[in-house]
Amino acid sequence: MYRVYGDLQSGNCYKVKLLLVYLGLPHEWLHVDIVQGGTRTAEFLAKNPNGKLPVLGLPSGEHLAESNAILYYLAEGTRYWPTDRLARARVLQWQNFEQYSHEPYIAVARFIAKFLGMPAERRADFEAKSAGGYKALGVMEQHLQTNRYFVGATLTIADISLYAYTHVAHEGGFSLERFPAVRRWLAAVASEPGHVSMPAG
């Protein structure tokens, strides 16, 4: 059985949970409290010296870090990971987009607003994330106007990666009102059999 060290309020952890559930893979979820220093203990750092969530514990006793690497590992040989060479490269393209052009704006704005409570000293930082976040949503909207999913005609781990923080973008002050294709895509991902919602928190 897999063991996952994570926090389901984190989009990077939630995306791993989604794929495990979609695949029906038995797993044990071990909550790690970042605020209380859970990722800085010697025990956790032995699993991931970078001190970040999530971490996947493998049946072999080895550990794998970085959310998208975990998705690759779990999706191998399943319908969520394409067999076509170019399609696989496009999955990687969108996951890189998620990590470098999407998450740094949408996820960080959400963290400042939801988890830090919008402290005065972070207000300027929060507002600075707006343009980049809306740019990322615009890129997604343009693609989804002519595509049901991000790669091919069915759901892949590219969609799972982008869904995690996009579906809670409003918690970071982002309105999806002018992104109908994004909203349609969010609904499609949420209709996947076995879908689980991010816990309220």
Protein backbone atom coordinates (compact mmCIF):
# COMPACT_ATOMS: atom_id res chain seq x y z
CA MET A 1 0.00 0.00 0.00
CA TYR A 2 1.13 3.54 -0.76
CA ARG A 3 1.61 6.04 2.06
CA VAL A 4 1.18 9.72 1.28
CA TYR A 5 2.59 12.44 3.49
CA GLY A 6 0.66 15.60 2.75
CA ASP A 7 -1.92 18.25 3.53
CA LEU A 8 -5.16 18.10 1.54
CA GLN A 9 -5.53 21.90 1.69
CA SER A 10 -2.45 22.06 -0.53
CA GLY A 11 -3.21 21.80 -4.24
CA ASN A 12 0.04 19.93 -4.82
CA CYS A 13 -1.02 17.29 -2.30
CA TYR A 14 -4.65 17.23 -3.42
CA LYS A 15 -3.67 16.42 -7.01
CA VAL A 16 -1.97 13.24 -5.76
CA LYS A 17 -5.08 12.32 -3.78
CA LEU A 18 -7.25 12.82 -6.87
CA LEU A 19 -5.21 10.47 -9.02
CA LEU A 20 -5.03 7.81 -6.32
CA VAL A 21 -8.82 7.94 -5.97
CA TYR A 22 -9.45 7.96 -9.73
CA LEU A 23 -7.22 4.89 -10.05
CA GLY A 24 -8.78 3.17 -7.05
CA LEU A 25 -5.37 2.60 -5.48
CA PRO A 26 -5.33 1.71 -1.76
CA HIS A 27 -3.30 4.21 0.23
CA GLU A 28 -2.77 5.61 3.68
CA TRP A 29 -2.89 9.41 4.01
CA LEU A 30 -0.64 10.83 6.72
CA HIS A 31 -1.35 14.47 7.47
CA VAL A 32 1.72 16.66 7.88
CA ASP A 33 1.19 20.06 9.48
CA ILE A 34 3.47 22.58 7.77
CA VAL A 35 2.54 25.41 10.13
CA GLN A 36 3.59 23.32 13.12
CA GLY A 37 6.92 22.45 11.50
CA GLY A 38 5.98 18.98 10.33
CA THR A 39 8.19 19.21 7.24
CA ARG A 40 11.24 20.31 9.22
CA THR A 41 11.60 17.30 11.49
CA ALA A 42 14.52 14.92 11.06
CA GLU A 43 12.06 12.11 10.34
CA PHE A 44 10.41 14.01 7.48
CA LEU A 45 13.67 15.35 6.06
CA ALA A 46 14.92 11.78 5.82
CA LYS A 47 12.07 11.21 3.37
CA ASN A 48 12.50 14.49 1.47
CA PRO A 49 15.58 16.60 2.25
CA ASN A 50 13.90 19.52 0.47
CA GLY A 51 11.32 19.65 3.26
CA LYS A 52 8.28 19.98 1.02
CA LEU A 53 4.99 18.16 0.54
CA PRO A 54 3.78 15.83 -0.83
CA VAL A 55 5.91 12.71 -0.44
CA LEU A 56 4.84 9.29 -1.66
CA GLY A 57 5.97 6.29 0.36
CA LEU A 58 6.41 3.29 -1.92
CA PRO A 59 5.83 -0.35 -0.91
CA SER A 60 9.59 -0.86 -1.35
CA GLY A 61 10.28 1.60 1.47
CA GLU A 62 11.61 4.25 -0.92
CA HIS A 63 10.14 7.75 -1.09
CA LEU A 64 9.27 9.97 -4.04
CA ALA A 65 8.84 13.75 -3.79
CA GLU A 66 7.49 16.49 -6.12
CA SER A 67 3.80 16.28 -6.97
CA ASN A 68 4.10 15.98 -10.74
CA ALA A 69 6.80 13.31 -10.48
CA ILE A 70 4.43 11.38 -8.22
CA LEU A 71 1.66 11.74 -10.81
CA TYR A 72 3.96 10.35 -13.53
CA TYR A 73 4.83 7.38 -11.35
CA LEU A 74 1.24 6.55 -10.47
CA ALA A 75 -0.17 7.15 -13.96
CA GLU A 76 2.25 4.90 -15.84
CA GLY A 77 0.28 2.31 -17.80
CA THR A 78 -3.08 3.96 -17.10
CA ARG A 79 -5.44 6.02 -19.21
CA TYR A 80 -4.25 9.18 -17.49
CA TRP A 81 -0.81 8.93 -19.12
CA PRO A 82 -0.83 8.91 -22.96
CA THR A 83 1.10 6.38 -25.00
CA ASP A 84 1.79 8.78 -27.89
CA ARG A 85 5.21 10.45 -27.68
CA LEU A 86 4.02 13.97 -28.55
CA ALA A 87 1.01 13.69 -26.25
CA ARG A 88 3.31 12.79 -23.35
CA ALA A 89 5.46 15.80 -24.16
CA ARG A 90 2.35 17.99 -24.16
CA VAL A 91 1.41 16.68 -20.72
CA LEU A 92 4.85 17.74 -19.53
CA GLN A 93 4.41 21.12 -21.28
CA TRP A 94 1.19 21.84 -19.37
CA GLN A 95 2.60 20.60 -16.08
CA ASN A 96 5.57 22.93 -16.50
CA PHE A 97 3.09 25.72 -17.24
CA GLU A 98 1.26 24.84 -14.02
CA GLN A 99 4.42 24.96 -11.93
CA TYR A 100 5.99 28.09 -13.44
CA SER A 101 3.18 30.24 -14.88
CA HIS A 102 0.13 29.26 -12.83
CA GLU A 103 0.97 28.11 -9.30
CA PRO A 104 3.36 30.99 -8.43
CA TYR A 105 0.45 33.41 -8.86
CA ILE A 106 -2.80 31.61 -8.10
CA ALA A 107 -1.52 29.34 -5.34
CA VAL A 108 0.55 32.03 -3.64
CA ALA A 109 -2.31 34.56 -3.70
CA ARG A 110 -4.55 31.90 -2.15
CA PHE A 111 -1.98 31.17 0.54
CA ILE A 112 -1.68 34.84 1.49
CA ALA A 113 -5.45 35.38 1.59
CA LYS A 114 -6.67 32.08 3.03
CA PHE A 115 -3.89 30.83 5.25
CA LEU A 116 -2.09 34.00 6.30
CA GLY A 117 -5.29 36.04 6.63
CA MET A 118 -4.07 38.85 4.36
CA PRO A 119 -1.56 40.52 6.70
CA ALA A 120 -0.87 44.14 5.85
CA GLU A 121 2.78 43.42 5.07
CA ARG A 122 1.77 40.90 2.37
CA ARG A 123 -0.98 42.97 0.74
CA ALA A 124 1.30 44.36 -1.98
CA ASP A 125 2.61 40.87 -2.72
CA PHE A 126 -0.97 39.58 -2.97
CA GLU A 127 -1.98 42.31 -5.40
CA ALA A 128 1.14 41.71 -7.49
CA LYS A 129 -0.03 38.14 -8.18
CA SER A 130 -3.21 39.28 -9.93
CA ALA A 131 -1.83 40.00 -13.40
CA GLY A 132 0.15 36.77 -13.62
CA GLY A 133 -2.77 34.69 -12.37
CA TYR A 134 -5.20 36.17 -14.85
CA LYS A 135 -2.67 35.74 -17.65
CA ALA A 136 -2.43 32.03 -16.82
CA LEU A 137 -6.21 31.70 -16.75
CA GLY A 138 -6.36 33.46 -20.12
CA VAL A 139 -3.93 30.98 -21.65
CA MET A 140 -6.01 28.13 -20.29
CA GLU A 141 -9.24 29.70 -21.56
CA GLN A 142 -7.85 30.09 -25.07
CA HIS A 143 -6.76 26.46 -25.21
CA LEU A 144 -9.98 25.10 -23.74
CA GLN A 145 -12.18 27.01 -26.17
CA THR A 146 -11.24 24.41 -28.78
CA ASN A 147 -10.21 21.47 -26.59
CA ARG A 148 -12.25 19.52 -24.02
CA TYR A 149 -9.12 18.68 -22.02
CA PHE A 150 -5.55 19.88 -22.08
CA VAL A 151 -4.09 16.91 -23.96
CA GLY A 152 -6.21 14.80 -26.26
CA ALA A 153 -9.86 13.92 -25.88
CA THR A 154 -9.71 12.43 -22.38
CA LEU A 155 -8.53 13.42 -18.92
CA THR A 156 -4.78 13.16 -18.26
CA ILE A 157 -2.50 14.08 -15.39
CA ALA A 158 -2.07 17.48 -17.08
CA ASP A 159 -5.70 18.21 -16.19
CA ILE A 160 -5.29 16.90 -12.66
CA SER A 161 -2.26 19.13 -12.14
CA LEU A 162 -4.05 22.26 -13.32
CA TYR A 163 -7.37 21.47 -11.65
CA ALA A 164 -5.90 21.41 -8.14
CA TYR A 165 -5.34 25.14 -7.74
CA THR A 166 -7.66 26.41 -10.49
CA HIS A 167 -10.81 25.10 -8.81
CA VAL A 168 -9.99 27.09 -5.67
CA ALA A 169 -8.67 30.18 -7.48
CA HIS A 170 -11.49 32.23 -5.99
CA GLU A 171 -9.89 31.74 -2.58
CA GLY A 172 -7.00 33.80 -3.90
CA GLY A 173 -9.24 36.55 -5.21
CA PHE A 174 -9.50 35.33 -8.82
CA SER A 175 -12.90 35.45 -10.51
CA LEU A 176 -13.60 32.84 -13.18
CA GLU A 177 -16.64 34.71 -14.49
CA ARG A 178 -14.99 35.65 -17.77
CA PHE A 179 -13.53 32.19 -18.35
CA PRO A 180 -16.48 30.00 -19.44
CA ALA A 181 -14.29 27.35 -21.06
CA VAL A 182 -12.27 27.00 -17.87
CA ARG A 183 -15.49 26.64 -15.87
CA ARG A 184 -16.77 23.98 -18.28
CA TRP A 185 -13.48 22.09 -17.96
CA LEU A 186 -13.58 22.28 -14.16
CA ALA A 187 -17.03 20.70 -14.22
CA ALA A 188 -15.79 17.95 -16.54
CA VAL A 189 -12.92 17.07 -14.20
CA ALA A 190 -15.26 17.12 -11.19
CA SER A 191 -17.57 14.66 -12.96
CA GLU A 192 -14.84 12.02 -13.20
CA PRO A 193 -16.04 8.81 -11.47
CA GLY A 194 -14.93 8.70 -7.85
CA HIS A 195 -14.06 12.39 -7.72
CA VAL A 196 -13.36 13.72 -4.22
CA SER A 197 -13.52 17.37 -3.24
CA MET A 198 -10.80 19.24 -1.41
CA PRO A 199 -11.85 19.29 2.26
CA ALA A 200 -13.16 22.60 3.53
CA GLY A 201 -10.67 24.35 5.72
